[in-house]
Amino acid sequence: MTSHKISRPYLSDIEIARAAAALPIDDVAEKINIPASALIRYGDDKAKVKLDYIDSLKNKPDGKLILVTAITPTPAGEGKTTTTVGLGDGLNKIGKKAMICIREPSLGPCFGMKGGAAGGGYAQVIPMEDINLHFTGDFHAISAANNLLAALIDNHVYWENAAELDTRRITWRRVLDMNDRSLRQITTSQGGVANGYPREGGFDITPASEVMACFCLATDMADLRRRLGKIMVGFTRNRKPVYACDVLADGPMVALLKDAMMPNIVQSLEHNPAFIHGGPFANIAHGCNTVIATKAALKMADYVVTEAGFGADLGAEKFFNIKCRKAGLKPDAAVLVATIRALKMHGGIGKEDLGLENISAVKKGLENLKRHVENLRKFGVKEVVAINRFPTDTDAEIKCVVDECAKLGVKAIEATHWADGGDGTTELARHIVDMVDGQASSFRTLYNDDISLWTKIQTVAREIYGASEVVADQKVRDQIKQFQNQGVGHYPVCMAKTQYSFSTDPNLKGNPKDHVVPIREVRLSNGAEFLLVVCGDIMTMPGLPRTPAANNIEVDENGLIQGLF
């Protein structure tokens, strides 16, 4: 059987990015009518867009919102960000005014096991190195705001402690944008009375923090301050909640985030505009870029392509049930990205044999894809499958996916954007335009606000994960009941679990059913206005793998970064 031929010489992602001739960012912004006066430039190729300009667009009509999600991820790769960028380029290629909205990469995965997250091949956003490393400093500002709150809490307790915080019941944790397992659990304030009251604490990774969630869900600066002030930091001896505003932290925190709140604009390799703003993880947090960037893009373009992290059971579920619910967004379509390689892995094939044609493994792996299609339909959005083609995929394997998807009543379209850029997604782009133009969104959330927190957890576990049961010890159940009685039962739930399976066992590939979802702990994200439900063995501070990507990253004799991706 024939395999796809790459139409250009093979280069690494970073070599392709470096070879690109970027347009001045003013010219890119002009494509979506952003005047130069509305930009704060970070060099020639990236800028922030001023919030007062964004506010001036509020009476303009919205474009169509297209979500890119994926099947359950495997080490073989799916390419959501690459497809998001490629589809944005493809829509512009067919003459549509389209914009891309994606998340900022975290340093943790960049130096851990994933590498960069700015797309790949000829479907990338640039400047690739800047985006993957420090970019415009947003993550650093979020980390600083989070840790300022931690310092203010400890300082408040050290002096008068007017809020009567019980040091045994302080729940706020510090953050760092790096995988560092040694900081998961620590003891602070050691060394004598001058250093405060010793207590247990810990670090989470910045993309898992509540400050990141508040940042990404806030609609404007006033809403950000409201959310930051609502963050619950602990309890008194009488179990009364204490909030960030009680230690006067909301004002200085929002001051640190003032510039970060402006969306970042960059460009694809084909010089199309992209907002990259915010970056919560989808296996721990809600996995979507900022509401501000998405809403602004909808005013600036006729089509906005955005992504949600990991598989549709995590990123898409949270995009729909948390972000769209809170922001009043009504997505028009969902693109489910799949690769032949990943389907084979879900069909039981090892990574070393993925280059060999195996139709039976593809068919077996399609059970995973089918479950994701069924889940997307529960939200009322129109769906299409994008087959992100790799060079080793055969025509017979592609046909197998197209035929099996047709039986489900969903179109599967081959996309070659990694090799061909926007030219490789024009068929997909035209199909999406045909699906959404002239059609009102039929979007709905999976559950209503007024059902209990426990019922919401059960609904996601059963309807999305295929679980038969949710289990939690009495302490966790009592916490959920306490939060319900505290008046936050209308909040959505944010499930934290492994990204590698519908279940909480990362080794269960395909479409596991009737499994049990164990809840380890729950944390009230009162500022973000959701309940974080930690399931199985998932960690809010990841560790580095045995051979981290950092081992191959360096600066060469010419001052160029090597090994980033």
Protein backbone atom coordinates (compact mmCIF):
# COMPACT_ATOMS: atom_id res chain seq x y z
CA MET A 1 0.00 0.00 0.00
CA THR A 2 1.20 3.53 -0.74
CA SER A 3 2.37 5.96 1.88
CA HIS A 4 2.12 9.73 1.82
CA LYS A 5 5.15 11.49 0.36
CA ILE A 6 6.35 14.57 2.23
CA SER A 7 6.35 17.41 -0.28
CA ARG A 8 9.32 19.27 1.23
CA PRO A 9 12.77 18.24 2.53
CA TYR A 10 12.75 17.08 6.14
CA LEU A 11 13.75 19.75 8.64
CA SER A 12 13.21 19.85 12.39
CA ASP A 13 10.50 22.14 13.75
CA ILE A 14 13.02 24.61 15.06
CA GLU A 15 14.89 24.69 11.71
CA ILE A 16 11.63 25.38 9.87
CA ALA A 17 10.75 28.15 12.34
CA ARG A 18 14.18 29.76 12.02
CA ALA A 19 14.04 29.69 8.24
CA ALA A 20 10.74 31.58 8.17
CA ALA A 21 10.72 35.23 7.16
CA ALA A 22 8.41 36.76 9.76
CA LEU A 23 6.32 39.81 8.95
CA PRO A 24 6.51 42.81 11.28
CA ILE A 25 3.87 42.26 13.94
CA ASP A 26 2.16 45.52 12.95
CA ASP A 27 1.46 44.04 9.50
CA VAL A 28 0.05 40.85 11.02
CA ALA A 29 -2.22 42.82 13.36
CA GLU A 30 -3.42 44.98 10.45
CA LYS A 31 -4.94 41.85 8.84
CA ILE A 32 -7.54 41.81 11.61
CA ASN A 33 -7.79 45.61 11.76
CA ILE A 34 -5.80 46.12 14.95
CA PRO A 35 -4.19 49.56 14.66
CA ALA A 36 -0.54 50.00 15.53
CA SER A 37 -1.57 52.32 18.37
CA ALA A 38 -3.28 49.38 20.10
CA LEU A 39 -0.08 47.31 20.29
CA ILE A 40 2.63 47.09 22.92
CA ARG A 41 5.51 45.51 21.01
CA TYR A 42 7.93 42.93 22.33
CA GLY A 43 10.45 43.23 19.52
CA ASP A 44 9.40 43.04 15.87
CA ASP A 45 7.54 39.72 15.92
CA LYS A 46 5.26 39.69 18.97
CA ALA A 47 3.08 42.17 20.82
CA LYS A 48 0.36 42.61 23.37
CA VAL A 49 -3.02 44.10 22.42
CA LYS A 50 -4.25 46.85 24.73
CA LEU A 51 -7.37 46.09 26.74
CA ASP A 52 -9.04 49.42 26.00
CA TYR A 53 -8.93 48.58 22.28
CA ILE A 54 -10.40 45.14 22.96
CA ASP A 55 -13.15 46.75 25.02
CA SER A 56 -14.01 49.02 22.06
CA LEU A 57 -15.00 45.93 20.04
CA LYS A 58 -17.73 44.68 22.38
CA ASN A 59 -20.64 45.72 20.14
CA LYS A 60 -19.30 43.96 17.06
CA PRO A 61 -20.88 40.62 16.00
CA ASP A 62 -19.14 37.36 16.86
CA GLY A 63 -17.54 35.03 14.35
CA LYS A 64 -17.82 31.25 14.40
CA LEU A 65 -15.99 29.34 17.14
CA ILE A 66 -14.31 26.04 16.22
CA LEU A 67 -12.76 23.81 18.86
CA VAL A 68 -9.88 21.46 18.03
CA THR A 69 -9.67 18.46 20.35
CA ALA A 70 -8.34 14.92 19.99
CA ILE A 71 -8.58 11.25 20.76
CA THR A 72 -6.89 10.00 23.93
CA PRO A 73 -3.19 10.94 23.61
CA THR A 74 -0.43 8.38 23.24
CA PRO A 75 3.37 8.67 22.94
CA ALA A 76 2.82 8.41 19.16
CA GLY A 77 1.36 11.92 19.08
CA GLU A 78 -1.88 13.46 17.81
CA GLY A 79 -0.96 17.04 16.93
CA LYS A 80 -3.78 19.23 18.26
CA THR A 81 -1.79 22.47 18.21
CA THR A 82 -0.34 21.64 14.80
CA THR A 83 -3.87 21.00 13.50
CA THR A 84 -5.20 24.18 15.11
CA VAL A 85 -2.54 26.25 13.37
CA GLY A 86 -2.90 24.32 10.11
CA LEU A 87 -6.68 24.76 10.09
CA GLY A 88 -6.35 28.48 10.78
CA ASP A 89 -3.97 28.73 7.83
CA GLY A 90 -6.30 26.60 5.71
CA LEU A 91 -9.29 28.84 6.40
CA ASN A 92 -7.26 31.89 5.42
CA LYS A 93 -6.01 30.00 2.35
CA ILE A 94 -9.60 29.59 1.07
CA GLY A 95 -10.25 33.30 1.52
CA LYS A 96 -11.79 33.39 4.99
CA LYS A 97 -10.87 35.83 7.74
CA ALA A 98 -9.69 33.43 10.42
CA MET A 99 -7.73 33.65 13.64
CA ILE A 100 -5.99 31.12 15.89
CA CYS A 101 -6.30 31.07 19.71
CA ILE A 102 -4.03 28.71 21.66
CA ARG A 103 -2.38 28.41 25.07
CA GLU A 104 1.08 29.48 26.12
CA PRO A 105 3.45 26.54 26.70
CA SER A 106 4.67 25.72 30.19
CA LEU A 107 8.37 25.31 30.91
CA GLY A 108 7.57 22.06 32.74
CA PRO A 109 6.69 19.99 29.66
CA CYS A 110 9.26 21.84 27.52
CA PHE A 111 12.06 20.57 29.76
CA GLY A 112 10.24 17.40 30.76
CA MET A 113 9.04 14.90 28.18
CA LYS A 114 6.78 16.73 25.73
CA GLY A 115 9.12 19.36 24.32
CA GLY A 116 7.81 22.52 22.67
CA ALA A 117 4.14 23.34 22.09
CA ALA A 118 3.92 25.83 19.24
CA GLY A 119 2.74 23.44 16.53
CA GLY A 120 5.05 21.55 14.22
CA GLY A 121 6.35 21.15 10.71
CA TYR A 122 4.85 23.78 8.41
CA ALA A 123 1.94 24.45 10.76
CA GLN A 124 3.64 26.45 13.50
CA VAL A 125 3.41 29.77 15.26
CA ILE A 126 6.54 31.86 15.54
CA PRO A 127 8.85 32.98 17.13
CA MET A 128 8.99 29.37 18.26
CA GLU A 129 11.85 29.66 20.78
CA ASP A 130 10.40 32.73 22.48
CA ILE A 131 6.92 31.23 22.70
CA ASN A 132 8.23 28.02 24.28
CA LEU A 133 10.56 29.66 26.78
CA HIS A 134 9.77 33.03 28.43
CA PHE A 135 7.58 34.66 25.75
CA THR A 136 6.19 37.94 27.17
CA GLY A 137 6.54 36.92 30.83
CA ASP A 138 2.90 36.02 31.53
CA PHE A 139 3.70 32.77 33.35
CA HIS A 140 6.26 34.54 35.52
CA ALA A 141 3.67 37.18 36.46
CA ILE A 142 1.15 34.48 37.37
CA SER A 143 3.73 32.64 39.49
CA ALA A 144 4.68 35.91 41.23
CA ALA A 145 1.04 36.78 41.97
CA ASN A 146 0.42 33.31 43.39
CA ASN A 147 3.52 33.43 45.59
CA LEU A 148 2.82 37.00 46.70
CA LEU A 149 -0.46 35.69 48.13
CA ALA A 150 1.47 32.94 49.93
CA ALA A 151 3.89 35.48 51.41
CA LEU A 152 1.05 37.77 52.49
CA ILE A 153 -0.72 34.87 54.21
CA ASP A 154 2.37 33.95 56.21
CA ASN A 155 3.05 37.61 57.01
CA HIS A 156 -0.55 38.10 58.14
CA VAL A 157 -0.23 35.16 60.53
CA TYR A 158 3.18 36.36 61.77
CA TRP A 159 1.83 39.73 62.87
CA GLU A 160 -1.70 40.34 64.17
CA ASN A 161 -3.54 37.53 62.32
CA ALA A 162 -6.71 39.61 62.28
CA ALA A 163 -8.37 37.03 60.04
CA GLU A 164 -7.73 34.40 62.75
CA LEU A 165 -6.24 31.94 60.28
CA ASP A 166 -5.53 28.56 61.81
CA THR A 167 -1.98 27.66 60.72
CA ARG A 168 -3.03 23.99 60.64
CA ARG A 169 -5.74 24.81 58.09
CA ILE A 170 -3.94 27.06 55.59
CA THR A 171 -4.65 25.50 52.19
CA TRP A 172 -2.85 27.89 49.82
CA ARG A 173 0.19 26.45 48.04
CA ARG A 174 3.11 28.06 46.26
CA VAL A 175 3.85 27.45 42.56
CA LEU A 176 6.76 27.06 40.17
CA ASP A 177 6.61 26.65 36.39
CA MET A 178 8.90 23.64 36.39
CA ASN A 179 8.54 19.91 37.06
CA ASP A 180 10.06 19.49 40.55
CA ARG A 181 8.77 16.53 42.55
CA SER A 182 10.95 17.43 45.57
CA LEU A 183 8.75 20.47 46.24
CA ARG A 184 5.41 18.66 46.33
CA GLN A 185 5.42 18.59 50.12
CA ILE A 186 7.62 20.90 52.20
CA THR A 187 7.91 22.47 55.64
CA THR A 188 8.09 26.27 55.76
CA SER A 189 9.26 28.81 58.35
CA GLN A 190 11.97 26.67 59.92
CA GLY A 191 14.85 28.28 61.78
CA GLY A 192 13.28 29.99 64.78
CA VAL A 193 10.57 32.46 65.81
CA ALA A 194 11.88 35.24 63.54
CA ASN A 195 10.91 33.15 60.52
CA GLY A 196 7.27 32.61 61.48
CA TYR A 197 5.26 29.56 62.44
CA PRO A 198 6.52 26.27 60.97
CA ARG A 199 3.88 24.39 59.00
CA GLU A 200 3.50 21.95 56.15
CA GLY A 201 3.11 23.39 52.69
CA GLY A 202 3.89 22.52 49.10
CA PHE A 203 4.26 23.59 45.49
CA ASP A 204 2.08 23.00 42.46
CA ILE A 205 3.14 23.69 38.89
CA THR A 206 2.02 27.15 37.69
CA PRO A 207 -0.39 25.91 34.97
CA ALA A 208 -2.26 23.95 37.67
CA SER A 209 -2.71 26.97 39.94
CA GLU A 210 -5.96 28.70 40.78
CA VAL A 211 -4.40 32.04 39.84
CA MET A 212 -3.85 30.67 36.31
CA ALA A 213 -7.50 29.56 36.22
CA CYS A 214 -8.72 32.97 37.45
CA PHE A 215 -6.49 34.66 34.86
CA CYS A 216 -7.89 32.55 32.04
CA LEU A 217 -11.56 32.79 33.04
CA ALA A 218 -11.66 36.51 33.87
CA THR A 219 -13.54 38.71 31.40
CA ASP A 220 -11.74 41.96 32.33
CA MET A 221 -9.53 43.49 35.01
CA ALA A 222 -12.44 44.09 37.40
CA ASP A 223 -13.53 40.49 37.08
CA LEU A 224 -9.95 39.34 37.65
CA ARG A 225 -9.75 41.29 40.91
CA ARG A 226 -13.13 39.92 42.00
CA ARG A 227 -11.95 36.37 41.36
CA LEU A 228 -8.57 36.84 43.06
CA GLY A 229 -10.26 38.30 46.14
CA LYS A 230 -12.55 35.24 46.35
CA ILE A 231 -9.69 32.73 46.48
CA MET A 232 -10.07 30.65 49.64
CA VAL A 233 -6.72 30.40 51.45
CA GLY A 234 -7.66 28.51 54.60
CA PHE A 235 -9.92 28.35 57.64
CA THR A 236 -10.17 29.68 61.17
CA ARG A 237 -10.21 27.33 64.18
CA ASN A 238 -14.01 27.41 63.88
CA ARG A 239 -13.79 26.24 60.24
CA LYS A 240 -14.83 29.62 58.86
CA PRO A 241 -13.33 30.20 55.36
CA VAL A 242 -10.68 32.90 54.95
CA TYR A 243 -10.21 34.54 51.54
CA ALA A 244 -7.42 36.39 49.74
CA CYS A 245 -9.23 39.70 50.21
CA ASP A 246 -9.11 39.12 53.98
CA VAL A 247 -5.30 39.43 53.84
CA LEU A 248 -5.56 42.39 51.41
CA ALA A 249 -3.93 40.41 48.58
CA ASP A 250 -6.30 41.05 45.66
CA GLY A 251 -5.05 44.57 44.89
CA PRO A 252 -1.32 43.82 44.69
CA MET A 253 -1.98 40.53 42.87
CA VAL A 254 -3.93 42.23 40.11
CA ALA A 255 -1.18 44.85 39.88
CA LEU A 256 1.31 42.09 39.06
CA LEU A 257 -1.07 40.74 36.39
CA LYS A 258 -2.01 44.06 34.75
CA ASP A 259 0.25 43.71 31.71
CA ALA A 260 -0.13 39.93 31.50
CA MET A 261 -3.89 40.32 30.99
CA MET A 262 -3.34 41.83 27.54
CA PRO A 263 -3.49 39.05 24.89
CA ASN A 264 -0.29 38.20 23.00
CA ILE A 265 -0.41 38.34 19.21
CA VAL A 266 2.05 36.43 17.01
CA GLN A 267 1.85 34.83 13.56
CA SER A 268 1.80 31.46 11.89
CA LEU A 269 4.43 30.53 9.31
CA GLU A 270 1.93 31.77 6.71
CA HIS A 271 1.70 35.13 8.50
CA ASN A 272 -1.82 34.63 9.85
CA PRO A 273 -2.63 36.17 13.25
CA ALA A 274 -2.68 34.08 16.41
CA PHE A 275 -3.48 34.92 20.01
CA ILE A 276 -1.41 32.91 22.50
CA HIS A 277 -2.60 33.70 26.00
CA GLY A 278 -2.82 31.74 29.25
CA GLY A 279 -1.91 28.11 29.69
CA PRO A 280 -3.74 25.92 32.24
CA PHE A 281 -3.09 22.17 32.01
CA ALA A 282 -6.10 20.10 30.93
CA ASN A 283 -5.28 17.01 33.00
CA ILE A 284 -5.22 19.10 36.20
CA ALA A 285 -6.83 22.47 35.45
CA HIS A 286 -9.39 23.48 32.77
CA GLY A 287 -7.04 23.39 29.77
CA CYS A 288 -8.10 26.41 27.70
CA ASN A 289 -6.61 29.75 26.68
CA THR A 290 -8.00 32.98 28.15
CA VAL A 291 -11.60 34.09 27.79
CA ILE A 292 -10.32 37.58 26.95
CA ALA A 293 -8.33 36.31 23.94
CA THR A 294 -11.14 34.08 22.65
CA LYS A 295 -13.82 36.75 22.94
CA ALA A 296 -11.58 39.37 21.35
CA ALA A 297 -10.75 37.07 18.45
CA LEU A 298 -14.46 36.41 17.84
CA LYS A 299 -14.92 40.17 17.35
CA MET A 300 -11.93 40.43 15.00
CA ALA A 301 -12.38 37.40 12.73
CA ASP A 302 -15.16 35.48 11.01
CA TYR A 303 -13.73 32.14 12.18
CA VAL A 304 -11.78 31.46 15.37
CA VAL A 305 -9.94 28.17 15.77
CA THR A 306 -9.03 27.29 19.35
CA GLU A 307 -7.86 24.17 21.14
CA ALA A 308 -8.34 22.46 24.48
CA GLY A 309 -5.62 20.26 25.93
CA PHE A 310 -5.25 16.48 25.75
CA GLY A 311 -8.15 14.24 24.67
CA ALA A 312 -11.78 15.32 24.35
CA ASP A 313 -12.62 13.61 27.66
CA LEU A 314 -10.47 16.24 29.42
CA GLY A 315 -9.90 19.38 27.35
CA ALA A 316 -13.15 19.45 25.38
CA GLU A 317 -15.28 18.48 28.39
CA LYS A 318 -13.79 21.34 30.42
CA PHE A 319 -13.92 23.77 27.50
CA PHE A 320 -17.64 23.10 27.20
CA ASN A 321 -18.64 22.66 30.85
CA ILE A 322 -16.39 25.31 32.41
CA LYS A 323 -15.11 27.90 29.92
CA CYS A 324 -18.17 28.11 27.66
CA ARG A 325 -20.56 27.97 30.61
CA LYS A 326 -18.75 30.77 32.47
CA ALA A 327 -18.03 32.98 29.44
CA GLY A 328 -21.32 32.50 27.61
CA LEU A 329 -19.57 31.06 24.55
CA LYS A 330 -21.46 28.95 22.03
CA PRO A 331 -19.03 26.89 19.93
CA ASP A 332 -20.18 25.95 16.45
CA ALA A 333 -18.07 22.88 15.63
CA ALA A 334 -15.50 20.49 17.06
CA VAL A 335 -12.59 18.95 15.16
CA LEU A 336 -11.48 15.60 16.60
CA VAL A 337 -7.83 15.01 15.68
CA ALA A 338 -6.60 11.44 15.24
CA THR A 339 -3.49 9.83 13.86
CA ILE A 340 -3.07 6.35 12.45
CA ARG A 341 -0.13 5.88 14.82
CA ALA A 342 -2.17 6.70 17.91
CA LEU A 343 -5.05 4.50 16.77
CA LYS A 344 -2.63 1.60 16.38
CA MET A 345 -1.36 2.15 19.92
CA HIS A 346 -4.94 2.08 21.20
CA GLY A 347 -5.26 -1.11 19.19
CA GLY A 348 -2.44 -2.72 21.15
CA ILE A 349 0.60 -2.06 18.92
CA GLY A 350 3.92 -1.05 20.46
CA LYS A 351 5.74 2.10 19.42
CA GLU A 352 8.45 0.15 17.60
CA ASP A 353 5.91 -1.37 15.16
CA LEU A 354 3.87 1.73 14.34
CA GLY A 355 5.49 2.14 10.91
CA LEU A 356 4.07 -1.17 9.68
CA GLU A 357 0.63 -1.31 8.06
CA ASN A 358 -1.88 -2.92 10.42
CA ILE A 359 -5.54 -2.49 9.50
CA SER A 360 -6.82 -4.70 12.33
CA ALA A 361 -5.01 -2.59 14.94
CA VAL A 362 -6.46 0.58 13.40
CA LYS A 363 -9.97 -0.88 13.59
CA LYS A 364 -9.48 -1.91 17.20
CA GLY A 365 -8.09 1.52 18.10
CA LEU A 366 -11.07 3.22 16.49
CA GLU A 367 -13.12 2.23 19.53
CA ASN A 368 -11.38 5.10 21.32
CA LEU A 369 -12.24 7.55 18.54
CA LYS A 370 -15.85 6.39 18.45
CA ARG A 371 -16.27 7.05 22.16
CA HIS A 372 -14.97 10.60 21.74
CA VAL A 373 -17.39 11.22 18.85
CA GLU A 374 -20.29 9.98 20.98
CA ASN A 375 -19.19 12.25 23.82
CA LEU A 376 -18.92 15.34 21.60
CA ARG A 377 -22.48 14.79 20.39
CA LYS A 378 -23.70 15.10 23.97
CA PHE A 379 -22.79 18.81 23.78
CA GLY A 380 -24.79 19.48 20.62
CA VAL A 381 -21.83 20.62 18.49
CA LYS A 382 -21.20 19.48 14.95
CA GLU A 383 -18.14 17.29 14.66
CA VAL A 384 -15.58 16.29 12.05
CA VAL A 385 -12.57 13.99 12.31
CA ALA A 386 -9.21 15.30 11.08
CA ILE A 387 -6.72 12.55 10.25
CA ASN A 388 -3.35 14.16 10.90
CA ARG A 389 -1.33 12.20 8.37
CA PHE A 390 2.18 10.94 9.05
CA PRO A 391 4.61 9.84 6.28
CA THR A 392 4.35 6.16 7.29
CA ASP A 393 0.53 6.04 7.07
CA THR A 394 -0.76 3.97 4.17
CA ASP A 395 -3.74 4.75 1.95
CA ALA A 396 -5.46 1.57 3.17
CA GLU A 397 -5.17 2.68 6.80
CA ILE A 398 -6.54 6.13 5.96
CA LYS A 399 -9.44 4.54 4.05
CA CYS A 400 -10.21 2.32 7.02
CA VAL A 401 -10.67 5.36 9.27
CA VAL A 402 -12.74 7.23 6.67
CA ASP A 403 -15.02 4.23 6.13
CA GLU A 404 -15.50 3.47 9.83
CA CYS A 405 -16.23 7.12 10.60
CA ALA A 406 -18.81 7.17 7.79
CA LYS A 407 -20.64 4.35 9.58
CA LEU A 408 -20.82 6.64 12.61
CA GLY A 409 -22.22 9.44 10.49
CA VAL A 410 -19.14 11.61 10.87
CA LYS A 411 -16.88 12.85 8.09
CA ALA A 412 -13.18 11.98 8.38
CA ILE A 413 -10.83 14.15 6.31
CA GLU A 414 -7.14 13.60 5.70
CA ALA A 415 -5.01 16.61 6.62
CA THR A 416 -1.35 17.08 5.65
CA HIS A 417 -0.67 20.44 7.30
CA TRP A 418 2.50 19.21 9.03
CA ALA A 419 4.11 18.79 5.60
CA ASP A 420 2.05 21.20 3.49
CA GLY A 421 0.91 24.01 5.80
CA GLY A 422 -2.44 25.59 5.00
CA ASP A 423 -2.60 23.78 1.65
CA GLY A 424 -2.93 20.54 3.61
CA THR A 425 -6.15 21.60 5.38
CA THR A 426 -8.17 23.31 2.67
CA GLU A 427 -10.57 20.37 2.31
CA LEU A 428 -11.08 20.32 6.08
CA ALA A 429 -11.54 24.11 6.12
CA ARG A 430 -14.18 24.02 3.36
CA HIS A 431 -16.08 21.25 5.11
CA ILE A 432 -16.15 23.22 8.38
CA VAL A 433 -17.35 26.36 6.59
CA ASP A 434 -20.15 24.32 5.01
CA MET A 435 -21.06 22.89 8.44
CA VAL A 436 -21.29 26.17 10.34
CA ASP A 437 -22.18 28.96 7.90
CA GLY A 438 -25.77 30.09 8.23
CA GLN A 439 -26.34 27.70 11.12
CA ALA A 440 -26.99 28.72 14.72
CA SER A 441 -25.03 26.89 17.38
CA SER A 442 -26.89 24.07 19.14
CA PHE A 443 -24.37 23.93 21.97
CA ARG A 444 -25.45 22.72 25.40
CA THR A 445 -23.58 21.80 28.57
CA LEU A 446 -23.56 18.24 29.90
CA TYR A 447 -25.21 19.15 33.20
CA ASN A 448 -27.11 22.03 34.75
CA ASP A 449 -25.84 24.31 37.50
CA ASP A 450 -28.51 23.29 39.98
CA ILE A 451 -27.60 19.62 40.44
CA SER A 452 -25.31 18.74 43.35
CA LEU A 453 -21.51 18.71 43.13
CA TRP A 454 -21.47 14.94 43.73
CA THR A 455 -24.00 14.36 40.94
CA LYS A 456 -21.90 16.49 38.59
CA ILE A 457 -18.85 14.36 39.37
CA GLN A 458 -20.84 11.19 38.72
CA THR A 459 -22.25 12.61 35.49
CA VAL A 460 -18.82 13.34 34.01
CA ALA A 461 -17.42 9.99 35.17
CA ARG A 462 -20.30 7.98 33.73
CA GLU A 463 -21.23 9.97 30.63
CA ILE A 464 -17.71 10.94 29.47
CA TYR A 465 -15.37 8.34 30.99
CA GLY A 466 -17.70 5.32 30.78
CA ALA A 467 -17.24 4.59 34.50
CA SER A 468 -19.67 2.45 36.45
CA GLU A 469 -18.92 4.04 39.81
CA VAL A 470 -17.20 6.92 41.60
CA VAL A 471 -15.63 6.13 44.98
CA ALA A 472 -14.28 8.43 47.69
CA ASP A 473 -13.51 7.97 51.36
CA GLN A 474 -15.70 9.61 54.00
CA LYS A 475 -13.33 12.55 54.48
CA VAL A 476 -13.60 13.51 50.80
CA ARG A 477 -17.38 13.03 50.78
CA ASP A 478 -17.66 15.25 53.85
CA GLN A 479 -15.58 17.94 52.14
CA ILE A 480 -17.83 17.87 49.08
CA LYS A 481 -20.87 18.13 51.36
CA GLN A 482 -19.24 21.03 53.22
CA PHE A 483 -18.62 22.90 49.96
CA GLN A 484 -22.20 22.19 48.88
CA ASN A 485 -23.48 23.67 52.16
CA GLN A 486 -21.09 26.60 51.78
CA GLY A 487 -23.20 27.83 48.86
CA VAL A 488 -21.01 26.84 45.91
CA GLY A 489 -23.02 23.82 44.76
CA HIS A 490 -23.78 25.64 41.49
CA TYR A 491 -20.09 25.52 40.46
CA PRO A 492 -18.99 23.14 37.68
CA VAL A 493 -16.48 20.40 38.47
CA CYS A 494 -12.94 20.27 37.08
CA MET A 495 -11.73 16.68 36.98
CA ALA A 496 -7.99 16.07 37.39
CA LYS A 497 -6.99 12.66 36.07
CA THR A 498 -4.52 10.95 33.76
CA GLN A 499 -4.70 12.08 30.15
CA TYR A 500 -3.72 8.65 28.81
CA SER A 501 -6.99 6.81 29.37
CA PHE A 502 -10.72 7.30 29.79
CA SER A 503 -10.10 5.66 33.17
CA THR A 504 -7.74 6.70 35.96
CA ASP A 505 -5.33 3.92 34.93
CA PRO A 506 -2.97 5.27 32.24
CA ASN A 507 -2.35 1.73 30.97
CA LEU A 508 -5.98 1.13 29.96
CA LYS A 509 -6.01 2.13 26.28
CA GLY A 510 -8.86 2.05 23.80
CA ASN A 511 -12.34 2.35 25.25
CA PRO A 512 -12.41 0.89 28.79
CA LYS A 513 -15.90 0.59 30.28
CA ASP A 514 -17.46 -0.01 33.69
CA HIS A 515 -14.29 1.02 35.52
CA VAL A 516 -14.21 2.78 38.88
CA VAL A 517 -13.06 6.40 39.33
CA PRO A 518 -11.42 6.93 42.74
CA ILE A 519 -11.33 10.50 44.11
CA ARG A 520 -8.21 11.22 46.14
CA GLU A 521 -8.99 14.79 47.19
CA VAL A 522 -11.08 17.83 46.32
CA ARG A 523 -10.00 21.48 46.34
CA LEU A 524 -12.36 24.41 46.09
CA SER A 525 -11.14 26.88 43.47
CA ASN A 526 -13.45 29.63 44.66
CA GLY A 527 -11.91 32.36 42.54
CA ALA A 528 -12.05 30.23 39.41
CA GLU A 529 -15.53 29.15 40.50
CA PHE A 530 -15.12 25.41 40.09
CA LEU A 531 -14.43 22.38 42.28
CA LEU A 532 -11.15 20.65 41.48
CA VAL A 533 -11.61 16.88 41.80
CA VAL A 534 -8.29 15.00 41.97
CA CYS A 535 -8.69 11.40 40.74
CA GLY A 536 -6.36 8.42 40.87
CA ASP A 537 -2.62 9.11 41.04
CA ILE A 538 -2.52 12.39 39.11
CA MET A 539 -0.06 14.94 40.57
CA THR A 540 -0.52 18.72 40.67
CA MET A 541 3.28 19.01 40.59
CA PRO A 542 4.67 16.66 37.90
CA GLY A 543 8.11 15.12 38.09
CA LEU A 544 10.77 14.91 35.40
CA PRO A 545 11.09 11.62 33.47
CA ARG A 546 14.19 9.42 33.65
CA THR A 547 15.58 11.17 30.56
CA PRO A 548 14.13 14.69 30.49
CA ALA A 549 14.01 16.75 27.31
CA ALA A 550 16.23 19.24 29.16
CA ASN A 551 19.19 16.89 28.65
CA ASN A 552 19.23 17.76 24.94
CA ILE A 553 18.62 21.51 25.18
CA GLU A 554 21.57 23.90 24.96
CA VAL A 555 22.88 27.06 23.34
CA ASP A 556 25.41 26.50 20.55
CA GLU A 557 28.53 28.51 19.72
CA ASN A 558 26.43 30.85 17.56
CA GLY A 559 24.06 31.68 20.41
CA LEU A 560 21.22 29.56 18.98
CA ILE A 561 19.09 27.30 21.17
CA GLN A 562 19.35 23.65 20.14
CA GLY A 563 17.26 20.62 21.06
CA LEU A 564 14.10 22.48 22.06
CA PHE A 565 11.96 20.48 19.65
